[in-house]
């Protein structure tokens, strides 16, 4: 069948949020779809499984992105998308098509999934290596209510599951095992989950890892905290803990799905979708680019990838409106110097500003040549020292204790009562200038009115989630999830183009609004 026709069917399918069967039925029965596809009324259509096979091909490489790029390029030629205009980006969480599992459920269900996959490869060999007890443990889907209760019983259960997994892995990699057994994807997932959830102690005993500390951060991995410096008398060993959420497998049925949470907002297992749309006046808002990432991936990590892709499509904006999750001095500097794009968005304020209500870092004068800072009271700091914060180069500025103790506004400046001097961290010079200027400008009414243009991103997220089913993954795996997001964006563009009225610049007023205006 024609790939162009299947591509248009897929776009229309997501525009109306239909299943594969419903879309295939619409091709066979609906006159408007036949007209759009250039089909004769007597053509019978095709089987719904063709759409699934087409998506498998679309998930290879960057084919899905090229499909959206073709649509955007045609719209730019028609004058509906402005080149070097204004664009805005927002992200939303996407739920994976799997059940969220606890750690105990995870290891048992991973074991069961590996056994199910190996049974399809060589059930005779598998029956010879399985003990009779495995039928009771892994004979059906693992559920929380079927597990033992009590801390001791749970510990014994997970250690038994761990031993079973090790026995299965050893059997799979033995010389007399089926050749295809070690190549099964579920076996590789089993191996990775066991590395993440178990460890061997000094005596060679398999142990269950402790849960990862809630405040642990990957950027601080390998650094020693001041409060935890090892001493000669400190013999307490740090417990072996689980991996960070960016690499931890949370379901054997979708190994690429990850757990993430926004503090105080939402927790989910799945992915994150970033949508970039145009926002020029008198033109429809068209989604021009889509990025799909694992759930824990930070927003600032996709900014350069979005800009590089837009430059490759020759759709780079002159101004890019982003929220604070995307904006750092580094991203602003990179976008301006590498791509000629002006980022409009708030730079994060000092997170400890409430502790020092008197003076912020912007109130200090910086002498880049002398490598010193001068406080608002005229005291000059010693020469700063290079340091590293969160894996990035910084400059540490520490004022003398004697100077700060004698200051009349020490409490408001340093925020401490033990007499320490004020401590500040400086970015490299170009980044520090960007941060200082942005923090001052974003407090002005003019900047806030300019930034109001970004507010429409929430409407786009709501439209794609509520009208086109973006929130829930239809498929498993990052590649096919990205295909869903691209087709959703293309379908949303189709609906917006159908509703666009170039001669209608504003919505008609209701009779009540006319009455208010007259009064």
Protein backbone atom coordinates (compact mmCIF):
# COMPACT_ATOMS: atom_id res chain seq x y z
CA UNK A 1 0.00 0.00 0.00
CA UNK A 2 1.05 3.61 -0.53
CA UNK A 3 3.09 4.93 2.45
CA UNK A 4 1.68 8.40 1.80
CA UNK A 5 -1.87 7.09 2.10
CA UNK A 6 -1.07 5.15 5.28
CA UNK A 7 0.62 8.24 6.74
CA UNK A 8 -2.47 10.36 6.10
CA UNK A 9 -4.71 7.65 7.58
CA UNK A 10 -2.52 7.61 10.71
CA UNK A 11 -2.71 11.40 11.04
CA UNK A 12 -6.50 11.38 10.64
CA UNK A 13 -6.70 8.52 13.14
CA UNK A 14 -4.99 10.59 15.82
CA UNK A 15 -6.87 13.73 14.86
CA UNK A 16 -10.08 11.92 15.86
CA UNK A 17 -8.47 9.72 18.55
CA UNK A 18 -9.52 6.42 16.96
CA UNK A 19 -8.29 2.87 17.43
CA UNK A 20 -6.76 0.92 14.55
CA UNK A 21 -10.03 -0.95 13.93
CA UNK A 22 -12.03 2.28 13.96
CA UNK A 23 -9.60 3.97 11.57
CA UNK A 24 -9.68 1.05 9.13
CA UNK A 25 -13.47 1.07 9.34
CA UNK A 26 -13.52 4.82 8.60
CA UNK A 27 -11.40 4.28 5.47
CA UNK A 28 -13.88 1.68 4.23
CA UNK A 29 -17.11 3.51 5.12
CA UNK A 30 -16.70 7.28 5.49
CA UNK A 31 -17.00 9.46 2.40
CA UNK A 32 -14.99 12.35 3.89
CA UNK A 33 -12.02 10.05 4.57
CA UNK A 34 -12.21 8.57 1.05
CA UNK A 35 -12.25 12.08 -0.39
CA UNK A 36 -9.23 13.14 1.67
CA UNK A 37 -7.36 9.96 0.67
CA UNK A 38 -8.25 10.22 -3.03
CA UNK A 39 -10.02 6.85 -3.01
CA UNK A 40 -12.92 5.60 -5.08
CA UNK A 41 -16.15 5.01 -3.19
CA UNK A 42 -16.03 1.34 -4.14
CA UNK A 43 -12.57 0.69 -2.64
CA UNK A 44 -12.91 -1.69 0.34
CA UNK A 45 -10.05 -0.31 2.44
CA UNK A 46 -7.59 -2.57 4.27
CA UNK A 47 -7.17 -4.68 7.38
CA UNK A 48 -6.47 -2.79 10.60
CA UNK A 49 -3.20 -4.70 11.23
CA UNK A 50 -1.61 -2.77 8.36
CA UNK A 51 -1.53 0.35 10.55
CA UNK A 52 0.43 -1.44 13.26
CA UNK A 53 2.98 -2.68 10.72
CA UNK A 54 3.27 0.83 9.29
CA UNK A 55 3.99 2.30 12.74
CA UNK A 56 6.75 -0.27 13.25
CA UNK A 57 8.44 1.05 10.13
CA UNK A 58 7.73 4.65 11.14
CA UNK A 59 9.49 4.07 14.49
CA UNK A 60 12.80 3.32 12.75
CA UNK A 61 15.29 6.18 12.85
CA UNK A 62 13.84 9.66 12.39
CA UNK A 63 11.03 8.73 10.00
CA UNK A 64 8.31 10.06 12.30
CA UNK A 65 10.09 13.40 12.70
CA UNK A 66 10.51 13.66 8.93
CA UNK A 67 6.77 13.14 8.51
CA UNK A 68 5.99 16.11 10.76
CA UNK A 69 8.75 18.15 9.08
CA UNK A 70 7.13 17.61 5.66
CA UNK A 71 3.82 18.93 7.00
CA UNK A 72 5.46 21.99 8.56
CA UNK A 73 7.44 22.69 5.39
CA UNK A 74 4.28 22.66 3.26
CA UNK A 75 2.53 24.97 5.70
CA UNK A 76 5.49 27.37 5.60
CA UNK A 77 5.33 27.45 1.80
CA UNK A 78 1.62 28.30 2.10
CA UNK A 79 2.40 31.20 4.43
CA UNK A 80 0.73 29.64 7.47
CA UNK A 81 4.00 29.20 9.39
CA UNK A 82 6.37 32.12 9.76
CA UNK A 83 10.09 31.41 9.50
CA UNK A 84 12.16 33.15 12.21
CA UNK A 85 9.01 33.99 14.11
CA UNK A 86 7.96 33.25 17.65
CA UNK A 87 7.62 29.78 19.16
CA UNK A 88 6.92 28.34 22.59
CA UNK A 89 7.55 24.96 24.21
CA UNK A 90 5.97 23.09 27.09
CA UNK A 91 6.11 19.54 28.42
CA UNK A 92 3.66 17.14 29.99
CA UNK A 93 3.87 13.72 31.60
CA UNK A 94 2.78 10.61 29.71
CA UNK A 95 1.74 7.39 31.42
CA UNK A 96 3.27 4.15 30.15
CA UNK A 97 1.02 1.29 29.07
CA UNK A 98 2.12 -0.84 32.03
CA UNK A 99 1.07 -1.32 35.63
CA UNK A 100 3.19 0.39 38.28
CA UNK A 101 5.03 -2.23 40.33
CA UNK A 102 6.64 -2.18 43.73
CA UNK A 103 10.20 -3.46 44.01
CA UNK A 104 9.10 -6.86 45.30
CA UNK A 105 6.54 -7.17 42.51
CA UNK A 106 9.16 -6.04 40.00
CA UNK A 107 11.69 -8.83 40.62
CA UNK A 108 9.04 -11.57 40.75
CA UNK A 109 7.26 -10.32 37.62
CA UNK A 110 10.59 -9.98 35.79
CA UNK A 111 11.36 -13.60 36.65
CA UNK A 112 7.94 -14.72 35.40
CA UNK A 113 8.28 -12.72 32.15
CA UNK A 114 11.68 -14.33 31.46
CA UNK A 115 10.22 -17.80 32.00
CA UNK A 116 7.30 -17.02 29.67
CA UNK A 117 9.70 -15.87 26.94
CA UNK A 118 12.00 -18.89 27.33
CA UNK A 119 9.02 -21.25 27.18
CA UNK A 120 8.38 -20.02 23.63
CA UNK A 121 12.01 -20.73 22.67
CA UNK A 122 12.42 -24.29 24.03
CA UNK A 123 9.87 -25.53 26.53
CA UNK A 124 11.46 -28.98 26.78
CA UNK A 125 14.79 -27.53 27.91
CA UNK A 126 13.05 -25.13 30.30
CA UNK A 127 11.06 -27.95 31.92
CA UNK A 128 14.33 -29.73 32.63
CA UNK A 129 15.92 -26.80 34.49
CA UNK A 130 12.87 -25.59 36.44
CA UNK A 131 12.34 -26.88 40.00
CA UNK A 132 8.74 -27.85 40.85
CA UNK A 133 8.44 -24.91 43.28
CA UNK A 134 8.69 -22.37 40.45
CA UNK A 135 5.24 -23.30 39.23
CA UNK A 136 3.68 -21.96 42.43
CA UNK A 137 5.85 -18.82 42.56
CA UNK A 138 5.71 -17.78 38.90
CA UNK A 139 2.72 -19.63 37.48
CA UNK A 140 0.59 -16.49 37.18
CA UNK A 141 0.94 -12.73 37.16
CA UNK A 142 2.51 -11.36 40.34
CA UNK A 143 0.20 -9.22 42.48
CA UNK A 144 0.81 -7.38 45.73
CA UNK A 145 -1.96 -9.18 47.56
CA UNK A 146 -0.44 -12.60 46.74
CA UNK A 147 2.90 -11.81 48.37
CA UNK A 148 3.91 -12.64 51.95
CA UNK A 149 3.36 -10.06 54.66
CA UNK A 150 5.79 -8.89 57.30
CA UNK A 151 9.32 -7.55 56.91
CA UNK A 152 11.03 -10.87 57.63
CA UNK A 153 8.82 -12.86 55.28
CA UNK A 154 9.21 -10.29 52.49
CA UNK A 155 13.00 -10.34 52.89
CA UNK A 156 13.07 -14.13 52.66
CA UNK A 157 10.78 -14.04 49.64
CA UNK A 158 12.88 -11.53 47.62
CA UNK A 159 16.09 -13.38 48.47
CA UNK A 160 14.49 -16.62 47.25
CA UNK A 161 13.40 -14.90 44.04
CA UNK A 162 16.94 -13.56 43.64
CA UNK A 163 18.41 -17.03 44.00
CA UNK A 164 15.93 -18.37 41.44
CA UNK A 165 16.92 -15.64 38.99
CA UNK A 166 20.62 -16.40 39.38
CA UNK A 167 19.93 -20.10 38.79
CA UNK A 168 17.97 -19.30 35.62
CA UNK A 169 20.66 -16.96 34.28
CA UNK A 170 23.36 -19.58 34.87
CA UNK A 171 21.28 -22.18 33.08
CA UNK A 172 20.64 -19.88 30.10
CA UNK A 173 24.35 -19.20 29.60
CA UNK A 174 25.49 -22.82 29.91
CA UNK A 175 26.89 -24.49 26.74
CA UNK A 176 24.01 -26.98 26.46
CA UNK A 177 21.33 -24.23 26.64
CA UNK A 178 19.40 -23.18 23.50
CA UNK A 179 21.40 -20.76 21.39
CA UNK A 180 18.49 -18.34 21.10
CA UNK A 181 17.88 -18.32 24.87
CA UNK A 182 20.55 -15.79 25.77
CA UNK A 183 19.35 -13.47 22.97
CA UNK A 184 15.81 -13.21 24.36
CA UNK A 185 15.05 -9.61 25.37
CA UNK A 186 13.31 -10.70 28.59
CA UNK A 187 16.48 -12.53 29.70
CA UNK A 188 18.57 -9.39 29.23
CA UNK A 189 15.98 -7.44 31.23
CA UNK A 190 16.23 -10.08 33.96
CA UNK A 191 20.00 -9.68 34.07
CA UNK A 192 19.79 -5.87 34.30
CA UNK A 193 17.09 -5.92 36.99
CA UNK A 194 19.14 -8.35 39.09
CA UNK A 195 22.20 -6.07 38.83
CA UNK A 196 20.06 -3.13 39.96
CA UNK A 197 18.19 -4.85 42.79
CA UNK A 198 20.70 -7.38 44.20
CA UNK A 199 24.37 -7.48 45.18
CA UNK A 200 26.92 -9.93 46.56
CA UNK A 201 28.45 -9.22 49.96
CA UNK A 202 32.02 -10.01 51.01
CA UNK A 203 31.10 -13.61 51.81
CA UNK A 204 29.56 -14.22 48.38
CA UNK A 205 25.96 -14.13 49.67
CA UNK A 206 23.26 -12.63 47.41
CA UNK A 207 21.65 -9.64 49.12
CA UNK A 208 18.66 -7.38 48.48
CA UNK A 209 19.62 -3.74 47.90
CA UNK A 210 18.20 -1.01 50.08
CA UNK A 211 15.94 1.61 48.54
CA UNK A 212 17.67 4.69 47.14
CA UNK A 213 17.75 7.67 49.49
CA UNK A 214 15.00 10.12 48.55
CA UNK A 215 17.37 13.12 48.44
CA UNK A 216 20.14 11.41 46.48
CA UNK A 217 21.08 13.19 43.24
CA UNK A 218 23.09 11.87 40.31
CA UNK A 219 25.05 15.14 40.08
CA UNK A 220 26.35 14.53 43.63
CA UNK A 221 27.26 10.89 43.06
CA UNK A 222 30.82 10.18 44.15
CA UNK A 223 31.15 13.33 46.28
CA UNK A 224 31.53 13.15 50.05
CA UNK A 225 29.14 15.23 52.13
CA UNK A 226 30.69 17.36 54.86
CA UNK A 227 28.43 15.78 57.46
CA UNK A 228 29.50 12.28 56.37
CA UNK A 229 33.28 12.54 56.15
CA UNK A 230 34.83 9.20 57.08
CA UNK A 231 36.89 9.11 60.25
CA UNK A 232 39.39 6.63 61.61
CA UNK A 233 36.82 5.28 64.05
CA UNK A 234 33.97 5.14 61.57
CA UNK A 235 33.55 1.48 60.63
CA UNK A 236 29.91 1.73 59.50
CA UNK A 237 29.61 0.65 55.87
CA UNK A 238 27.30 2.51 53.51
CA UNK A 239 24.46 0.12 52.52
CA UNK A 240 24.20 -0.95 48.88
CA UNK A 241 21.27 0.97 47.42
CA UNK A 242 19.21 0.85 44.29
CA UNK A 243 20.03 2.86 41.14
CA UNK A 244 18.86 6.32 40.19
CA UNK A 245 15.48 6.61 38.51
CA UNK A 246 17.06 7.63 35.19
CA UNK A 247 18.41 4.08 34.72
CA UNK A 248 16.21 1.94 36.99
CA UNK A 249 13.93 -0.49 35.18
CA UNK A 250 10.48 -0.34 36.78
CA UNK A 251 8.59 -2.85 34.61
CA UNK A 252 9.81 -5.85 32.59
CA UNK A 253 7.05 -5.22 30.03
CA UNK A 254 8.38 -1.75 29.12
CA UNK A 255 12.06 -1.59 30.12
CA UNK A 256 12.41 1.97 28.78
CA UNK A 257 9.68 3.45 30.99
CA UNK A 258 10.97 5.29 34.05
CA UNK A 259 9.58 6.58 37.32
CA UNK A 260 9.51 10.31 37.99
CA UNK A 261 7.69 12.79 40.19
CA UNK A 262 7.08 16.50 40.48
CA UNK A 263 7.17 17.39 44.19
CA UNK A 264 3.68 18.05 45.44
CA UNK A 265 2.11 17.51 42.00
CA UNK A 266 2.23 14.10 40.33
CA UNK A 267 4.07 10.78 40.31
CA UNK A 268 4.10 8.60 37.23
CA UNK A 269 5.82 5.81 35.32
CA UNK A 270 6.37 6.54 31.66
CA UNK A 271 7.71 9.33 29.53
CA UNK A 272 7.63 13.08 28.96
CA UNK A 273 6.45 14.87 25.82
CA UNK A 274 7.83 18.28 24.74
CA UNK A 275 5.76 20.18 22.17
CA UNK A 276 7.01 23.25 20.31
CA UNK A 277 4.43 25.37 18.50
CA UNK A 278 4.32 28.67 16.64
CA UNK A 279 2.63 31.64 18.31
CA UNK A 280 2.59 34.41 15.70
CA UNK A 281 -0.41 36.69 15.41
CA UNK A 282 -2.93 36.20 12.58
CA UNK A 283 -1.57 32.72 11.91
CA UNK A 284 -2.67 29.33 13.27
CA UNK A 285 -0.62 27.85 16.11
CA UNK A 286 1.15 24.91 14.47
CA UNK A 287 3.11 22.25 16.37
CA UNK A 288 6.44 22.19 14.54
CA UNK A 289 8.52 19.83 16.67
CA UNK A 290 8.07 17.03 19.22
CA UNK A 291 10.58 15.44 21.59
CA UNK A 292 9.88 12.34 23.69
CA UNK A 293 12.16 11.60 26.65
CA UNK A 294 12.16 9.22 29.62
CA UNK A 295 10.19 10.62 32.54
CA UNK A 296 13.12 11.71 34.80
CA UNK A 297 14.89 13.59 32.00
CA UNK A 298 15.20 17.27 32.92
CA UNK A 299 13.66 19.90 30.66
CA UNK A 300 16.91 21.82 30.30
CA UNK A 301 18.47 18.76 28.67
CA UNK A 302 16.30 18.99 25.54
CA UNK A 303 16.62 22.71 24.74
CA UNK A 304 19.71 22.37 22.56
CA UNK A 305 18.29 19.29 20.82
CA UNK A 306 15.08 21.21 20.00
CA UNK A 307 17.05 24.16 18.61
CA UNK A 308 19.35 21.94 16.55
CA UNK A 309 16.37 20.11 15.04
CA UNK A 310 14.56 23.36 14.24
CA UNK A 311 17.69 24.78 12.60
CA UNK A 312 17.94 21.60 10.52
CA UNK A 313 14.31 22.06 9.44
CA UNK A 314 15.01 25.75 8.71
CA UNK A 315 12.28 26.56 11.25
CA UNK A 316 14.40 28.09 14.00
CA UNK A 317 12.52 30.90 15.79
CA UNK A 318 13.82 34.37 16.47
CA UNK A 319 12.28 34.22 19.96
CA UNK A 320 11.62 31.08 21.94
CA UNK A 321 9.29 31.34 24.97
CA UNK A 322 10.05 28.81 27.71
CA UNK A 323 9.19 28.29 31.37
CA UNK A 324 11.73 28.20 34.17
CA UNK A 325 12.27 24.45 33.82
CA UNK A 326 14.02 25.03 30.49
CA UNK A 327 15.86 28.26 31.25
CA UNK A 328 19.34 28.52 32.73
CA UNK A 329 22.15 30.95 31.89
CA UNK A 330 23.83 28.07 30.05
CA UNK A 331 20.82 27.42 27.77
CA UNK A 332 20.34 31.14 27.09
CA UNK A 333 24.00 31.54 26.15
CA UNK A 334 24.08 28.39 24.01
CA UNK A 335 20.91 29.31 22.11
CA UNK A 336 22.16 32.82 21.38
CA UNK A 337 25.72 31.97 20.32
CA UNK A 338 25.15 28.65 18.52
CA UNK A 339 21.74 29.18 16.91
CA UNK A 340 20.96 32.91 17.05
CA UNK A 341 17.80 32.28 19.10
CA UNK A 342 16.65 34.58 21.90
CA UNK A 343 15.19 32.66 24.82
CA UNK A 344 12.44 34.47 26.69
CA UNK A 345 11.83 32.88 30.07
CA UNK A 346 12.46 33.34 33.78
CA UNK A 347 15.83 32.41 35.21
CA UNK A 348 15.45 30.77 38.61
CA UNK A 349 15.80 33.10 41.56
CA UNK A 350 18.20 32.42 44.41
CA UNK A 351 16.65 29.40 46.24
CA UNK A 352 18.03 30.67 49.56
CA UNK A 353 16.96 34.28 49.12
CA UNK A 354 14.52 34.03 52.05
CA UNK A 355 17.42 33.30 54.39
CA UNK A 356 19.18 36.50 53.29
CA UNK A 357 16.43 39.11 52.85
CA UNK A 358 18.81 42.06 52.88
CA UNK A 359 21.06 41.59 49.86
CA UNK A 360 20.99 39.26 46.86
CA UNK A 361 23.95 38.35 44.69
CA UNK A 362 22.87 41.01 42.18
CA UNK A 363 23.51 43.71 44.81
CA UNK A 364 27.25 42.92 44.89
CA UNK A 365 29.70 44.52 42.45
CA UNK A 366 31.96 42.09 40.59
CA UNK A 367 35.51 42.95 39.56
CA UNK A 368 36.35 40.31 36.96
CA UNK A 369 39.94 41.45 36.55
CA UNK A 370 40.80 41.52 40.24
CA UNK A 371 38.59 38.44 40.86
CA UNK A 372 36.93 40.05 43.88
CA UNK A 373 33.45 41.22 44.89
CA UNK A 374 32.39 44.35 46.75
CA UNK A 375 29.37 44.21 49.04
CA UNK A 376 26.78 47.02 49.20
CA UNK A 377 28.54 48.37 52.33
CA UNK A 378 31.83 48.75 50.47
CA UNK A 379 33.75 45.75 51.84
CA UNK A 380 35.96 43.99 49.29
CA UNK A 381 36.22 40.20 49.43
CA UNK A 382 39.42 38.18 49.18
CA UNK A 383 40.25 36.77 45.78
CA UNK A 384 37.78 34.09 44.79
CA UNK A 385 38.70 30.44 44.32
CA UNK A 386 37.62 28.08 41.53
CA UNK A 387 35.30 25.27 42.59
CA UNK A 388 32.78 22.80 41.18
CA UNK A 389 29.05 22.78 41.96
CA UNK A 390 26.77 20.06 40.58
CA UNK A 391 29.57 19.04 38.23
CA UNK A 392 29.99 22.52 36.70
CA UNK A 393 32.79 25.08 37.16
CA UNK A 394 32.00 27.90 39.55
CA UNK A 395 33.86 30.58 41.55
CA UNK A 396 33.60 30.55 45.33
CA UNK A 397 33.61 33.97 47.00
CA UNK A 398 33.93 34.02 50.80
CA UNK A 399 34.06 37.29 52.74
CA UNK A 400 36.24 37.48 55.86
CA UNK A 401 34.60 36.70 59.18
CA UNK A 402 36.05 39.81 60.79
CA UNK A 403 34.59 42.05 58.10
CA UNK A 404 31.13 40.53 58.33
CA UNK A 405 31.05 40.44 62.15
CA UNK A 406 31.60 44.18 62.31
CA UNK A 407 28.84 44.90 59.75
CA UNK A 408 25.62 46.41 61.09
CA UNK A 409 23.42 44.45 58.64
CA UNK A 410 25.23 41.10 58.98
CA UNK A 411 22.09 39.16 59.95
CA UNK A 412 20.16 40.34 56.88
CA UNK A 413 23.12 39.66 54.59
CA UNK A 414 24.67 36.38 55.76
CA UNK A 415 21.51 34.84 57.19
CA UNK A 416 23.40 33.14 60.04
CA UNK A 417 23.94 33.81 63.74
CA UNK A 418 27.31 32.09 64.22
CA UNK A 419 29.41 34.89 62.78
CA UNK A 420 30.36 33.34 59.43
CA UNK A 421 31.15 35.53 56.45
CA UNK A 422 28.91 35.85 53.38
CA UNK A 423 29.49 33.12 50.80
CA UNK A 424 28.51 33.39 47.13
CA UNK A 425 28.94 31.22 44.06
CA UNK A 426 29.66 32.93 40.76
CA UNK A 427 29.14 31.51 37.29
CA UNK A 428 31.69 32.04 34.53
CA UNK A 429 31.62 35.67 33.38
CA UNK A 430 29.26 35.47 30.34
CA UNK A 431 26.82 33.25 32.23
CA UNK A 432 26.90 35.41 35.34
CA UNK A 433 26.11 38.52 33.28
CA UNK A 434 23.13 36.72 31.74
CA UNK A 435 21.85 35.60 35.15
CA UNK A 436 22.21 39.04 36.73
CA UNK A 437 20.53 40.82 33.83
CA UNK A 438 17.69 38.29 33.58
CA UNK A 439 16.88 38.38 37.29
CA UNK A 440 16.55 42.16 37.15
CA UNK A 441 14.57 42.32 33.90
CA UNK A 442 12.06 39.61 34.74
CA UNK A 443 10.76 41.67 37.65
CA UNK A 444 9.69 44.57 35.38
CA UNK A 445 6.09 44.95 34.10
CA UNK A 446 7.31 45.26 30.50
CA UNK A 447 9.02 41.87 30.64
CA UNK A 448 5.98 40.25 32.24
CA UNK A 449 3.67 41.58 29.52
CA UNK A 450 6.03 40.23 26.88
CA UNK A 451 6.18 36.84 28.59
CA UNK A 452 2.37 36.55 28.64
CA UNK A 453 2.62 35.09 25.14
CA UNK A 454 3.86 31.81 26.57
CA UNK A 455 0.58 31.18 28.43
CA UNK A 456 -0.98 29.47 25.39
CA UNK A 457 1.23 26.41 25.87
CA UNK A 458 -1.13 25.14 28.53
CA UNK A 459 -4.01 25.18 26.05
CA UNK A 460 -2.00 23.07 23.60
CA UNK A 461 -1.19 20.51 26.29
CA UNK A 462 -4.84 20.38 27.33
CA UNK A 463 -5.99 19.96 23.72
CA UNK A 464 -3.60 17.12 22.91
CA UNK A 465 -4.35 15.36 26.20
CA UNK A 466 -8.14 15.70 26.29
CA UNK A 467 -9.05 15.59 22.60
CA UNK A 468 -6.32 13.32 21.20
CA UNK A 469 -5.40 10.98 24.07
CA UNK A 470 -1.79 12.06 24.56
CA UNK A 471 -1.68 11.32 28.30
CA UNK A 472 -1.80 7.52 27.96
CA UNK A 473 0.66 5.53 25.84
CA UNK A 474 -0.95 3.21 23.34
CA UNK A 475 2.31 1.33 22.80
CA UNK A 476 5.41 0.26 24.71
CA UNK A 477 8.92 1.52 24.22
CA UNK A 478 10.34 4.98 23.63
CA UNK A 479 10.43 4.76 19.83
CA UNK A 480 6.77 3.82 19.34
CA UNK A 481 5.67 6.24 22.03
CA UNK A 482 7.43 8.99 20.07
CA UNK A 483 5.54 7.93 16.95
CA UNK A 484 2.29 8.37 18.88
CA UNK A 485 3.34 11.85 19.98
CA UNK A 486 4.32 12.91 16.45
CA UNK A 487 1.08 11.62 14.94
CA UNK A 488 -0.87 13.35 17.72
CA UNK A 489 0.88 16.63 16.88
CA UNK A 490 0.13 16.20 13.17
CA UNK A 491 -3.51 15.38 13.89
CA UNK A 492 -3.79 18.42 16.15
CA UNK A 493 -2.43 20.58 13.33
CA UNK A 494 -5.09 19.22 10.98
CA UNK A 495 -7.87 20.19 13.41
CA UNK A 496 -6.40 23.65 13.97
CA UNK A 497 -6.06 24.30 10.25
CA UNK A 498 -9.68 23.29 9.73
CA UNK A 499 -10.77 25.77 12.41
CA UNK A 500 -8.51 28.63 11.31
CA UNK A 501 -10.28 31.70 9.92
CA UNK A 502 -7.76 34.25 8.62
CA UNK A 503 -10.41 36.97 8.24
CA UNK A 504 -11.70 36.51 11.82
CA UNK A 505 -9.21 38.28 14.03
CA UNK A 506 -11.13 37.98 17.27
CA UNK A 507 -14.02 35.99 18.67
CA UNK A 508 -17.48 37.52 18.25
CA UNK A 509 -18.78 39.18 21.39
CA UNK A 510 -21.85 37.85 23.15
CA UNK A 511 -24.86 40.09 23.80
CA UNK A 512 -23.82 40.39 27.45
CA UNK A 513 -20.32 41.51 26.45
CA UNK A 514 -21.77 44.07 24.07
CA UNK A 515 -23.95 45.34 26.90
CA UNK A 516 -20.94 45.69 29.21
CA UNK A 517 -19.03 47.51 26.47
CA UNK A 518 -21.88 49.94 25.85
CA UNK A 519 -22.23 50.71 29.55
